[in-house]
Amino acid sequence: MKNIHGLLLVSCSALALAGCGPSDIAGPGTGGDVIINNPAPTPTPSPTPTPGAGLVEAASSCPTIAASNQLTDNGILSGPTGTYRVCTLPKLIDRSTSLPKITGLVYQMNGRVDVGCDGGFAAPTTAAPVATSTVGCPTSNLTADTNVTLTIAPGAILIGAPGASWLAVNRGNKINAAGTATSPIIFTSRDNVTGQVSETSQGHWGGVVLMGRAAVTDCTAGTVASGNCERQTEGSTDPARFGGADSAYNAGTMKYVQFRYSGFILSANIELQSLTGEGIGSGTTLDHIMSYNSSDDGSEWFGGSPNMKYYISVGADDDSLDVDTGAQMNVQYALLIQRSGQGDALMEIDSNGNEADTPRTKLAVANFTALQPQTSSNNEGNDLASILLRGNSDTTWVNGLIITPNNECLRMNGSGGTPATLKTFSVALQCNAAKFLGSGSYTADQVSTMFGSGANTTSTFTSTLASLFINGANETGRTATDPKATSAFFDTTTYVGAVKDSADTWYAGWTCNSATANFGSGNSGACTSLPTT
């Protein structure tokens, strides 16, 4: 991803020359050299902004952490919100470690950062921690857990150095990233600190990957039949394995977390996304997660049994929500919003082509609002429709709104002995005239019939959403279905969509604003900037 930075062209007359500072830039195309004779003495330029009202001042030093290898002080970055000390994380966090919130300090990932070492397919019989300071993670193949937990304080800011920088939480270890509604944890790029991002920036760094021991399919090691199926993180050059037989596996907690400008390419056609769950189980806590401008998916889930509430994806350049390789996932309260003319599917649910593998990929989504802008057409990319359901996947929608007026809403691809299936309850679509697409063994008419067989569904809806995503009169008039009939994880709700009305403000405070989606005042501000408190 290349950032294009504009030049500030300043023209100063001789009469006003005293007002020209040393940072003034004369642009090309003037027809000849431009000579400016500055008055003496010429002020000495300051390398960083002078701290003042509203600006952050860099912290004096990096804190001491519990890991064997300490943070590296990489000096100071300056940007439009002030100055920040850059404290780079070690490549391996080998002890349970806390990263405190310190004003004027950012924690940097430079390349891959491992939280603990991989404890293998099955949990050890003892919970005793393994001394890992001399273990060469990640290439080592351990047989016991290292039991490392990385705790990140509310309000902390973590940045990825440009390129393939990502956080790998290995099996047998945890993350505890618990922000708050007023003090979210922010994962972002270095360019976000220096002010070199725009509404179209993306793909500056990798993302966060949680690896666990729940079941997966499409094995890269072992087989589904023998019960020892494992996969390797896509694009990782060193082992980053996941998979097992623990559906309740606990990879830790992530709540009130923002991800910005993620999605760096690890290898050909393989990118990380903001948040990747790999074989994580129902013991993992995931709620209030926001992805902004990922160059790949907002989040992708490979196998496992994850549950998530209050999920926002804005501006994903591939899919807003991608679920595959045997994942058994429940999501409630989801806002999926793509940029005008950008992105692929709002949801993609499939099996990656291994139709005979079990468990079948299974996704249930309740109370969601999925949007592709009315100002764009052909917004759905390679998936050909705003939602793609492929073979060996089973999808249930409850209380949903899919608003994509210029695109087909739903494509289903039938393959394998039991093709993809869909159940709908209280779902409304606003699409173009085609609405449905079929491929493989499905025709468009069969897809239409499958969608329409659910209770309280319609494909002829007209949206009256306010402020982009808040229910209006037509949404309020829809009959809802109790999601608990689908999953005990779901809350009982009496409305369709993600946001009931103007009094329903679960998205407020911990999000950031952009031209694509504005979540109101009182949050962390513009996604192109950083909070100053």
Protein backbone atom coordinates (compact mmCIF):
# COMPACT_ATOMS: atom_id res chain seq x y z
CA MET A 1 0.00 0.00 0.00
CA LYS A 2 1.52 3.22 -1.06
CA ASN A 3 0.63 6.43 0.68
CA ILE A 4 0.59 9.57 -1.42
CA HIS A 5 1.44 12.62 0.57
CA GLY A 6 0.57 16.07 -0.71
CA LEU A 7 2.93 19.02 -0.75
CA LEU A 8 1.89 22.23 0.90
CA LEU A 9 2.62 24.93 -1.62
CA VAL A 10 3.22 28.28 0.04
CA SER A 11 3.69 31.45 -1.97
CA CYS A 12 5.04 34.43 -0.13
CA SER A 13 5.49 37.91 -1.57
CA ALA A 14 8.51 40.04 -0.81
CA LEU A 15 6.37 42.36 1.26
CA ALA A 16 5.22 39.48 3.44
CA LEU A 17 8.49 37.60 3.46
CA ALA A 18 8.84 37.88 7.21
CA GLY A 19 5.83 35.60 7.53
CA CYS A 20 7.51 32.71 5.66
CA GLY A 21 8.89 30.00 7.91
CA PRO A 22 11.71 27.52 7.21
CA SER A 23 9.19 24.72 6.52
CA ASP A 24 7.66 26.50 3.52
CA ILE A 25 7.98 24.40 0.35
CA ALA A 26 8.16 25.78 -3.17
CA GLY A 27 6.46 23.43 -5.60
CA PRO A 28 7.76 22.42 -9.05
CA GLY A 29 6.37 23.88 -12.24
CA THR A 30 7.23 27.53 -11.51
CA GLY A 31 9.22 27.95 -14.70
CA GLY A 32 12.56 28.31 -12.97
CA ASP A 33 14.35 28.35 -9.65
CA VAL A 34 12.67 30.13 -6.77
CA ILE A 35 15.09 31.86 -4.43
CA ILE A 36 13.90 33.00 -1.03
CA ASN A 37 16.21 35.17 1.04
CA ASN A 38 15.15 34.53 4.60
CA PRO A 39 15.70 37.36 7.06
CA ALA A 40 18.46 36.81 9.61
CA PRO A 41 18.50 35.13 11.98
CA THR A 42 16.75 32.12 10.46
CA PRO A 43 14.79 30.25 13.15
CA THR A 44 16.05 26.74 13.89
CA PRO A 45 13.36 24.22 12.90
CA SER A 46 12.09 21.99 15.66
CA PRO A 47 12.11 18.22 14.87
CA THR A 48 8.95 17.64 16.86
CA PRO A 49 5.79 19.58 17.63
CA THR A 50 6.07 21.86 20.63
CA PRO A 51 3.85 20.40 23.37
CA GLY A 52 0.85 22.54 24.01
CA ALA A 53 -2.85 22.47 24.64
CA GLY A 54 -4.36 19.35 23.13
CA LEU A 55 -1.03 17.80 22.09
CA VAL A 56 0.47 14.64 23.57
CA GLU A 57 3.99 14.85 24.97
CA ALA A 58 6.27 11.83 24.60
CA ALA A 59 6.78 9.64 27.66
CA SER A 60 10.25 9.90 29.21
CA SER A 61 11.11 6.20 28.91
CA CYS A 62 9.82 2.70 28.24
CA PRO A 63 8.44 0.70 31.18
CA THR A 64 10.03 -2.48 32.49
CA ILE A 65 8.07 -5.62 31.61
CA ALA A 66 8.14 -9.13 33.04
CA ALA A 67 9.38 -10.88 29.90
CA SER A 68 13.01 -12.01 29.77
CA ASN A 69 13.61 -9.67 26.85
CA GLN A 70 12.70 -6.06 27.54
CA LEU A 71 11.10 -3.38 25.42
CA THR A 72 13.46 -1.57 23.06
CA ASP A 73 13.35 2.22 23.10
CA ASN A 74 13.24 3.28 19.45
CA GLY A 75 13.00 6.98 20.07
CA ILE A 76 10.19 9.40 19.37
CA LEU A 77 7.60 9.69 16.63
CA SER A 78 5.84 12.96 15.99
CA GLY A 79 2.50 13.58 14.38
CA PRO A 80 -0.48 15.89 14.36
CA THR A 81 -1.61 14.82 17.85
CA GLY A 82 1.81 15.23 19.47
CA THR A 83 4.89 13.12 20.19
CA TYR A 84 5.11 9.49 21.23
CA ARG A 85 7.90 7.32 22.56
CA VAL A 86 8.12 4.07 20.59
CA CYS A 87 8.72 0.99 22.74
CA THR A 88 9.23 -2.09 20.58
CA LEU A 89 8.05 -5.46 21.87
CA PRO A 90 10.48 -8.39 21.95
CA LYS A 91 10.03 -11.08 19.31
CA LEU A 92 9.02 -13.54 22.03
CA ILE A 93 7.01 -12.66 25.13
CA ASP A 94 8.08 -15.58 27.30
CA ARG A 95 6.54 -14.60 30.64
CA SER A 96 3.11 -13.32 31.56
CA THR A 97 3.46 -9.61 30.89
CA SER A 98 1.38 -6.43 31.26
CA LEU A 99 1.54 -3.41 28.98
CA PRO A 100 0.31 -0.37 30.93
CA LYS A 101 -1.40 2.62 29.37
CA ILE A 102 1.14 5.45 29.36
CA THR A 103 0.29 8.78 27.78
CA GLY A 104 2.72 9.62 25.00
CA LEU A 105 3.83 6.02 24.48
CA VAL A 106 3.06 3.44 21.80
CA TYR A 107 4.05 -0.23 21.82
CA GLN A 108 5.43 -1.39 18.49
CA MET A 109 5.38 -4.79 16.81
CA ASN A 110 8.33 -5.04 14.43
CA GLY A 111 7.75 -8.26 12.53
CA ARG A 112 6.10 -11.25 14.18
CA VAL A 113 5.67 -11.09 17.95
CA ASP A 114 4.88 -14.41 19.67
CA VAL A 115 2.92 -14.61 22.90
CA GLY A 116 4.39 -17.77 24.43
CA CYS A 117 5.34 -20.85 22.46
CA ASP A 118 3.04 -23.41 20.90
CA GLY A 119 2.14 -26.14 23.39
CA GLY A 120 0.90 -28.53 20.71
CA PHE A 121 -2.34 -30.25 19.71
CA ALA A 122 -3.48 -31.29 23.20
CA ALA A 123 -3.30 -29.56 26.57
CA PRO A 124 -0.67 -30.97 28.96
CA THR A 125 -1.69 -33.01 31.97
CA THR A 126 -0.04 -30.46 34.26
CA ALA A 127 -0.55 -26.70 34.32
CA ALA A 128 3.03 -26.04 35.41
CA PRO A 129 4.53 -23.29 33.26
CA VAL A 130 7.48 -24.09 31.03
CA ALA A 131 10.59 -21.94 31.30
CA THR A 132 10.80 -20.52 27.80
CA SER A 133 13.60 -17.98 27.98
CA THR A 134 15.95 -20.40 26.22
CA VAL A 135 13.38 -21.90 23.86
CA GLY A 136 13.64 -20.91 20.22
CA CYS A 137 10.01 -20.03 19.52
CA PRO A 138 8.32 -20.37 17.05
CA THR A 139 10.41 -23.05 15.33
CA SER A 140 10.49 -25.27 18.45
CA ASN A 141 7.92 -28.03 18.75
CA LEU A 142 6.98 -28.03 22.43
CA THR A 143 4.88 -30.69 24.11
CA ALA A 144 3.77 -28.58 27.08
CA ASP A 145 2.08 -25.21 27.43
CA THR A 146 4.07 -22.11 28.29
CA ASN A 147 1.02 -20.48 29.97
CA VAL A 148 1.94 -16.93 29.01
CA THR A 149 -0.74 -14.21 29.20
CA LEU A 150 -0.21 -10.85 27.54
CA THR A 151 -2.33 -8.23 29.34
CA ILE A 152 -2.97 -4.93 27.60
CA ALA A 153 -4.37 -2.05 29.65
CA PRO A 154 -7.40 0.00 28.56
CA GLY A 155 -6.35 2.90 26.35
CA ALA A 156 -3.02 1.41 25.31
CA ILE A 157 -1.96 1.96 21.69
CA LEU A 158 -0.07 -0.74 19.79
CA ILE A 159 1.35 -0.09 16.33
CA GLY A 160 2.68 -2.36 13.63
CA ALA A 161 5.89 -1.36 11.94
CA PRO A 162 5.35 -1.21 8.16
CA GLY A 163 5.19 -4.66 6.60
CA ALA A 164 4.56 -8.12 8.01
CA SER A 165 4.19 -7.12 11.65
CA TRP A 166 1.68 -9.21 13.58
CA LEU A 167 0.85 -10.57 17.01
CA ALA A 168 0.67 -14.38 17.28
CA VAL A 169 -1.01 -15.73 20.42
CA ASN A 170 0.09 -19.36 20.35
CA ARG A 171 -1.74 -22.44 21.67
CA GLY A 172 -1.40 -22.79 25.43
CA ASN A 173 -1.18 -19.00 25.92
CA LYS A 174 -3.65 -16.14 26.20
CA ILE A 175 -4.31 -12.50 25.50
CA ASN A 176 -6.10 -10.25 27.98
CA ALA A 177 -6.93 -7.13 25.97
CA ALA A 178 -9.85 -5.68 27.90
CA GLY A 179 -10.46 -2.07 27.03
CA THR A 180 -13.47 -0.07 28.18
CA ALA A 181 -16.25 1.86 26.48
CA THR A 182 -14.41 5.11 27.15
CA SER A 183 -10.86 3.81 26.82
CA PRO A 184 -10.56 1.30 23.98
CA ILE A 185 -7.34 -0.50 23.10
CA ILE A 186 -6.13 0.56 19.65
CA PHE A 187 -4.07 -1.60 17.27
CA THR A 188 -2.99 0.53 14.33
CA SER A 189 -0.16 1.45 11.99
CA ARG A 190 2.90 3.62 12.42
CA ASP A 191 1.53 5.95 9.75
CA ASN A 192 -1.54 6.58 11.92
CA VAL A 193 0.78 8.09 14.53
CA THR A 194 2.67 10.28 12.06
CA GLY A 195 -0.52 11.48 10.36
CA GLN A 196 0.20 9.83 6.99
CA VAL A 197 -3.12 8.03 6.62
CA SER A 198 -6.30 8.89 4.74
CA GLU A 199 -9.82 7.54 4.27
CA THR A 200 -8.44 5.02 1.73
CA SER A 201 -5.36 3.82 3.63
CA GLN A 202 -5.15 0.09 4.32
CA GLY A 203 -2.76 -2.84 4.52
CA HIS A 204 0.01 -1.15 6.53
CA TRP A 205 0.69 -4.02 8.94
CA GLY A 206 -0.51 -7.56 9.66
CA GLY A 207 -3.03 -8.03 12.48
CA VAL A 208 -3.70 -10.16 15.56
CA VAL A 209 -3.94 -13.96 15.30
CA LEU A 210 -5.41 -16.10 18.10
CA MET A 211 -4.55 -19.81 17.84
CA GLY A 212 -6.34 -22.54 19.76
CA ARG A 213 -7.19 -26.22 20.13
CA ALA A 214 -10.77 -26.45 18.85
CA ALA A 215 -11.60 -28.58 15.81
CA VAL A 216 -10.62 -27.52 12.30
CA THR A 217 -10.87 -29.03 8.82
CA ASP A 218 -8.75 -28.72 5.66
CA CYS A 219 -5.74 -30.14 7.51
CA THR A 220 -2.17 -29.23 6.73
CA ALA A 221 -1.04 -31.84 9.30
CA GLY A 222 -2.93 -34.96 10.39
CA THR A 223 -6.38 -35.89 9.09
CA VAL A 224 -9.98 -35.25 10.04
CA ALA A 225 -10.65 -39.01 10.05
CA SER A 226 -7.89 -39.74 12.56
CA GLY A 227 -8.92 -36.85 14.80
CA ASN A 228 -5.55 -35.08 14.78
CA CYS A 229 -6.23 -32.35 12.21
CA GLU A 230 -4.10 -29.22 12.43
CA ARG A 231 -3.65 -26.21 10.18
CA GLN A 232 -0.84 -23.75 9.62
CA THR A 233 -1.52 -20.01 9.70
CA GLU A 234 -1.83 -18.88 6.09
CA GLY A 235 1.33 -17.27 4.80
CA SER A 236 3.41 -17.81 7.93
CA THR A 237 6.97 -18.84 7.11
CA ASP A 238 7.53 -20.43 10.53
CA PRO A 239 5.15 -22.83 12.33
CA ALA A 240 2.06 -21.09 13.64
CA ARG A 241 -0.20 -24.10 14.10
CA PHE A 242 -3.71 -24.45 15.41
CA GLY A 243 -6.33 -27.14 15.89
CA GLY A 244 -7.22 -29.78 18.44
CA ALA A 245 -10.28 -31.30 20.09
CA ASP A 246 -11.20 -28.72 22.76
CA SER A 247 -14.34 -26.85 21.65
CA ALA A 248 -14.25 -24.76 24.85
CA TYR A 249 -10.63 -23.65 24.35
CA ASN A 250 -9.93 -20.27 25.95
CA ALA A 251 -7.55 -17.98 24.02
CA GLY A 252 -8.28 -15.12 26.42
CA THR A 253 -10.26 -11.90 26.17
CA MET A 254 -10.56 -9.15 23.57
CA LYS A 255 -13.13 -6.45 24.24
CA TYR A 256 -13.45 -2.78 23.37
CA VAL A 257 -10.67 -3.07 20.80
CA GLN A 258 -10.08 -1.17 17.55
CA PHE A 259 -8.02 -2.47 14.63
CA ARG A 260 -6.99 0.04 11.96
CA TYR A 261 -5.22 -0.25 8.56
CA SER A 262 -4.35 -3.96 8.88
CA GLY A 263 -4.04 -6.70 6.28
CA PHE A 264 -0.45 -6.93 5.09
CA ILE A 265 0.33 -9.64 2.51
CA LEU A 266 2.40 -12.46 4.04
CA SER A 267 2.75 -14.36 0.75
CA ALA A 268 1.12 -14.53 -2.68
CA ASN A 269 -2.66 -14.03 -2.40
CA ILE A 270 -2.51 -14.52 1.38
CA GLU A 271 -3.12 -11.59 3.70
CA LEU A 272 -3.72 -11.21 7.37
CA GLN A 273 -6.77 -9.29 8.51
CA SER A 274 -7.54 -7.21 11.59
CA LEU A 275 -8.44 -10.21 13.76
CA THR A 276 -7.98 -13.86 12.85
CA GLY A 277 -9.39 -16.64 15.03
CA GLU A 278 -7.88 -20.07 14.39
CA GLY A 279 -9.31 -23.05 16.23
CA ILE A 280 -10.30 -20.95 19.24
CA GLY A 281 -13.14 -22.17 21.44
CA SER A 282 -16.21 -20.92 23.21
CA GLY A 283 -14.16 -20.11 26.32
CA THR A 284 -12.67 -17.12 24.50
CA THR A 285 -14.36 -13.76 25.21
CA LEU A 286 -14.89 -11.55 22.14
CA ASP A 287 -17.05 -8.46 22.25
CA HIS A 288 -16.95 -4.84 21.12
CA ILE A 289 -14.49 -5.43 18.29
CA MET A 290 -14.02 -2.86 15.50
CA SER A 291 -12.07 -3.34 12.27
CA TYR A 292 -11.38 -0.28 10.12
CA ASN A 293 -9.96 -0.37 6.58
CA SER A 294 -8.49 -3.86 6.54
CA SER A 295 -7.00 -4.65 3.14
CA ASP A 296 -8.34 -8.19 3.54
CA ASP A 297 -11.25 -9.27 5.77
CA GLY A 298 -12.60 -7.41 8.76
CA SER A 299 -12.15 -10.70 10.61
CA GLU A 300 -11.72 -14.32 9.52
CA TRP A 301 -12.42 -17.46 11.51
CA PHE A 302 -10.75 -20.78 10.71
CA GLY A 303 -12.48 -23.62 12.50
CA GLY A 304 -13.13 -23.59 16.22
CA SER A 305 -16.23 -22.61 18.21
CA PRO A 306 -15.97 -18.84 18.69
CA ASN A 307 -18.77 -16.59 19.95
CA MET A 308 -18.75 -12.83 19.43
CA LYS A 309 -21.04 -9.90 20.28
CA TYR A 310 -20.93 -6.26 19.19
CA TYR A 311 -18.79 -6.52 16.08
CA ILE A 312 -18.18 -3.66 13.64
CA SER A 313 -16.37 -3.92 10.33
CA VAL A 314 -15.93 -0.71 8.33
CA GLY A 315 -14.16 -0.51 4.99
CA ALA A 316 -12.87 -4.08 4.64
CA ASP A 317 -11.40 -4.51 1.16
CA ASP A 318 -12.33 -8.19 1.01
CA ASP A 319 -15.06 -9.66 3.24
CA SER A 320 -16.45 -8.00 6.35
CA LEU A 321 -16.97 -11.41 8.03
CA ASP A 322 -15.34 -14.60 6.70
CA VAL A 323 -16.02 -17.98 8.34
CA ASP A 324 -14.64 -21.30 7.07
CA THR A 325 -12.79 -24.61 7.60
CA GLY A 326 -15.31 -26.09 10.01
CA ALA A 327 -15.93 -23.07 12.26
CA GLN A 328 -19.02 -23.28 14.49
CA MET A 329 -19.61 -19.61 15.16
CA ASN A 330 -22.28 -17.36 16.69
CA VAL A 331 -22.30 -13.58 16.18
CA GLN A 332 -24.83 -11.12 17.62
CA TYR A 333 -25.07 -7.34 17.09
CA ALA A 334 -23.02 -6.83 13.95
CA LEU A 335 -22.55 -3.76 11.76
CA LEU A 336 -20.93 -4.67 8.44
CA ILE A 337 -20.27 -1.53 6.40
CA GLN A 338 -18.20 -1.34 3.22
CA ARG A 339 -16.73 1.68 1.46
CA SER A 340 -18.38 2.90 -1.70
CA GLY A 341 -17.18 0.88 -4.67
CA GLN A 342 -14.79 -1.20 -2.55
CA GLY A 343 -14.82 -4.59 -0.86
CA ASP A 344 -16.03 -8.03 -1.75
CA ALA A 345 -18.76 -9.85 0.21
CA LEU A 346 -20.27 -8.61 3.44
CA MET A 347 -20.21 -12.25 4.56
CA GLU A 348 -18.45 -15.26 3.06
CA ILE A 349 -19.15 -18.66 4.59
CA ASP A 350 -17.57 -21.77 3.09
CA SER A 351 -15.37 -24.82 3.49
CA ASN A 352 -12.44 -23.94 1.24
CA GLY A 353 -13.37 -26.79 -1.11
CA ASN A 354 -13.13 -29.81 1.21
CA GLU A 355 -16.81 -30.70 1.11
CA ALA A 356 -16.54 -34.07 2.84
CA ASP A 357 -14.74 -32.79 5.94
CA THR A 358 -16.56 -32.45 9.24
CA PRO A 359 -17.51 -30.50 11.20
CA ARG A 360 -19.38 -28.56 8.55
CA THR A 361 -18.83 -24.82 8.70
CA LYS A 362 -21.77 -23.37 10.63
CA LEU A 363 -22.53 -19.71 11.23
CA ALA A 364 -25.46 -18.10 13.06
CA VAL A 365 -25.78 -14.30 12.99
CA ALA A 366 -28.45 -12.42 14.93
CA ASN A 367 -29.33 -8.72 14.92
CA PHE A 368 -27.11 -7.58 12.09
CA THR A 369 -27.15 -4.70 9.64
CA ALA A 370 -25.06 -5.27 6.52
CA LEU A 371 -24.56 -2.33 4.16
CA GLN A 372 -23.04 -1.67 0.77
CA PRO A 373 -23.49 2.01 -0.14
CA GLN A 374 -26.32 3.11 -2.38
CA THR A 375 -23.89 5.25 -4.37
CA SER A 376 -21.95 2.28 -5.72
CA SER A 377 -22.55 -0.61 -8.06
CA ASN A 378 -20.68 -3.87 -8.63
CA ASN A 379 -19.46 -3.51 -5.08
CA GLU A 380 -19.30 -7.23 -4.46
CA GLY A 381 -16.04 -8.15 -6.23
CA ASN A 382 -15.17 -11.79 -6.94
CA ASP A 383 -18.03 -13.19 -4.86
CA LEU A 384 -20.52 -11.67 -7.37
CA ALA A 385 -23.09 -10.87 -4.66
CA SER A 386 -23.12 -9.10 -1.31
CA ILE A 387 -23.25 -12.45 0.55
CA LEU A 388 -21.65 -15.73 -0.58
CA LEU A 389 -22.54 -19.10 0.98
CA ARG A 390 -20.59 -22.05 -0.38
CA GLY A 391 -20.74 -25.83 -0.10
CA ASN A 392 -20.28 -27.59 3.24
CA SER A 393 -21.57 -24.60 5.18
CA ASP A 394 -24.79 -24.03 7.09
CA THR A 395 -25.95 -20.49 7.82
CA THR A 396 -28.75 -19.15 10.02
CA TRP A 397 -29.81 -15.50 10.01
CA VAL A 398 -32.07 -14.01 12.67
CA ASN A 399 -33.33 -10.41 12.78
CA GLY A 400 -31.14 -9.20 9.93
CA LEU A 401 -31.03 -6.36 7.42
CA ILE A 402 -29.04 -6.59 4.19
CA ILE A 403 -29.15 -3.23 2.43
CA THR A 404 -27.29 -3.31 -0.89
CA PRO A 405 -29.54 -1.59 -3.44
CA ASN A 406 -27.19 -1.75 -6.44
CA ASN A 407 -25.98 -5.32 -6.00
CA GLU A 408 -27.34 -8.84 -5.90
CA CYS A 409 -27.89 -9.70 -2.25
CA LEU A 410 -27.16 -13.41 -2.07
CA ARG A 411 -25.26 -16.04 -4.00
CA MET A 412 -25.24 -19.69 -2.97
CA ASN A 413 -22.94 -22.28 -4.44
CA GLY A 414 -24.00 -25.92 -4.26
CA SER A 415 -21.26 -28.55 -4.15
CA GLY A 416 -20.64 -31.85 -2.42
CA GLY A 417 -23.19 -34.38 -1.25
CA THR A 418 -24.90 -31.87 1.06
CA PRO A 419 -24.49 -28.35 -0.36
CA ALA A 420 -24.66 -25.12 1.58
CA THR A 421 -27.88 -24.47 3.47
CA LEU A 422 -29.63 -21.34 4.71
CA LYS A 423 -32.28 -20.69 7.36
CA THR A 424 -33.75 -17.21 7.75
CA PHE A 425 -35.93 -15.69 10.45
CA SER A 426 -37.05 -12.05 10.27
CA VAL A 427 -34.56 -10.99 7.59
CA ALA A 428 -35.16 -8.18 5.10
CA LEU A 429 -33.26 -7.56 1.86
CA GLN A 430 -32.97 -4.48 -0.32
CA CYS A 431 -31.15 -5.48 -3.51
CA ASN A 432 -31.05 -4.85 -7.24
CA ALA A 433 -33.57 -6.53 -9.56
CA ALA A 434 -31.63 -9.81 -9.73
CA LYS A 435 -31.44 -10.26 -5.93
CA PHE A 436 -30.27 -13.89 -5.99
CA LEU A 437 -27.56 -15.85 -7.82
CA GLY A 438 -27.00 -19.60 -7.96
CA SER A 439 -23.87 -21.52 -8.94
CA GLY A 440 -22.71 -25.11 -8.81
CA SER A 441 -25.79 -27.24 -8.22
CA TYR A 442 -27.99 -24.26 -7.22
CA THR A 443 -30.05 -22.04 -9.50
CA ALA A 444 -31.08 -18.49 -8.66
CA ASP A 445 -34.68 -19.67 -8.24
CA GLN A 446 -33.61 -22.30 -5.71
CA VAL A 447 -31.69 -19.68 -3.74
CA SER A 448 -34.73 -17.41 -3.78
CA THR A 449 -36.94 -20.23 -2.53
CA MET A 450 -34.51 -21.13 0.23
CA PHE A 451 -34.34 -17.54 1.46
CA GLY A 452 -38.11 -17.07 1.29
CA SER A 453 -38.90 -20.27 3.18
CA GLY A 454 -38.00 -18.64 6.49
CA ALA A 455 -40.42 -16.85 8.79
CA ASN A 456 -41.03 -13.10 8.46
CA THR A 457 -38.59 -12.63 5.57
CA THR A 458 -38.82 -10.27 2.62
CA SER A 459 -36.68 -9.50 -0.42
CA THR A 460 -38.63 -6.35 -1.36
CA PHE A 461 -37.69 -4.16 1.54
CA THR A 462 -37.10 -0.39 1.41
CA SER A 463 -34.68 0.91 4.02
CA THR A 464 -35.45 3.91 6.22
CA LEU A 465 -32.25 3.64 8.25
CA ALA A 466 -31.21 6.89 9.93
CA SER A 467 -27.59 8.01 10.35
CA LEU A 468 -26.62 5.09 8.11
CA PHE A 469 -27.37 2.23 10.53
CA ILE A 470 -30.07 3.22 13.08
CA ASN A 471 -33.48 1.63 12.58
CA GLY A 472 -36.19 3.86 11.11
CA ALA A 473 -39.92 3.35 10.68
CA ASN A 474 -39.74 0.48 8.18
CA GLU A 475 -37.18 -1.41 10.24
CA THR A 476 -39.14 -0.87 13.44
CA GLY A 477 -42.22 -2.24 11.73
CA ARG A 478 -40.62 -5.61 11.03
CA THR A 479 -41.61 -8.61 13.17
CA ALA A 480 -38.66 -10.00 15.13
CA THR A 481 -37.78 -13.56 16.14
CA ASP A 482 -36.25 -14.60 19.47
CA PRO A 483 -32.61 -15.52 18.67
CA LYS A 484 -32.39 -17.83 21.69
CA ALA A 485 -34.25 -20.44 19.70
CA THR A 486 -31.11 -20.63 17.53
CA SER A 487 -28.39 -20.42 20.21
CA ALA A 488 -28.29 -20.05 23.98
CA PHE A 489 -25.41 -17.62 23.43
CA PHE A 490 -27.80 -15.07 21.92
CA ASP A 491 -29.74 -12.47 23.89
CA THR A 492 -33.50 -12.30 23.42
CA THR A 493 -34.32 -9.27 21.25
CA THR A 494 -37.56 -7.80 19.94
CA TYR A 495 -36.24 -5.93 16.88
CA VAL A 496 -34.44 -6.56 13.61
CA GLY A 497 -31.07 -5.06 12.73
CA ALA A 498 -28.06 -4.20 14.85
CA VAL A 499 -29.24 -0.89 16.31
CA LYS A 500 -32.81 -0.75 17.62
CA ASP A 501 -33.26 3.04 17.73
CA SER A 502 -31.48 6.28 18.63
CA ALA A 503 -31.42 5.30 22.30
CA ASP A 504 -29.50 2.10 21.49
CA THR A 505 -25.89 3.29 21.54
CA TRP A 506 -23.78 0.17 22.08
CA TYR A 507 -21.42 1.40 19.34
CA ALA A 508 -20.70 4.75 21.02
CA GLY A 509 -17.54 5.76 22.86
CA TRP A 510 -15.11 2.99 21.85
CA THR A 511 -15.24 3.39 18.05
CA CYS A 512 -13.62 5.81 15.60
CA ASN A 513 -15.24 7.90 12.88
CA SER A 514 -14.67 8.05 9.14
CA ALA A 515 -16.37 9.30 5.99
CA THR A 516 -17.80 5.79 5.58
CA ALA A 517 -19.38 5.55 9.05
CA ASN A 518 -19.77 8.17 11.76
CA PHE A 519 -20.51 6.79 15.22
CA GLY A 520 -21.06 10.16 16.87
CA SER A 521 -19.19 12.36 19.29
CA GLY A 522 -17.58 11.31 22.52
CA ASN A 523 -15.54 8.46 21.05
CA SER A 524 -11.86 8.17 20.17
CA GLY A 525 -12.29 10.67 17.30
CA ALA A 526 -11.43 10.25 13.65
CA CYS A 527 -9.91 6.94 12.59
CA THR A 528 -7.19 8.94 10.82
CA SER A 529 -6.14 10.47 14.15
CA LEU A 530 -5.33 9.26 17.67
CA PRO A 531 -6.97 10.13 20.99
CA THR A 532 -5.05 12.70 23.01
CA THR A 533 -6.05 11.44 26.46
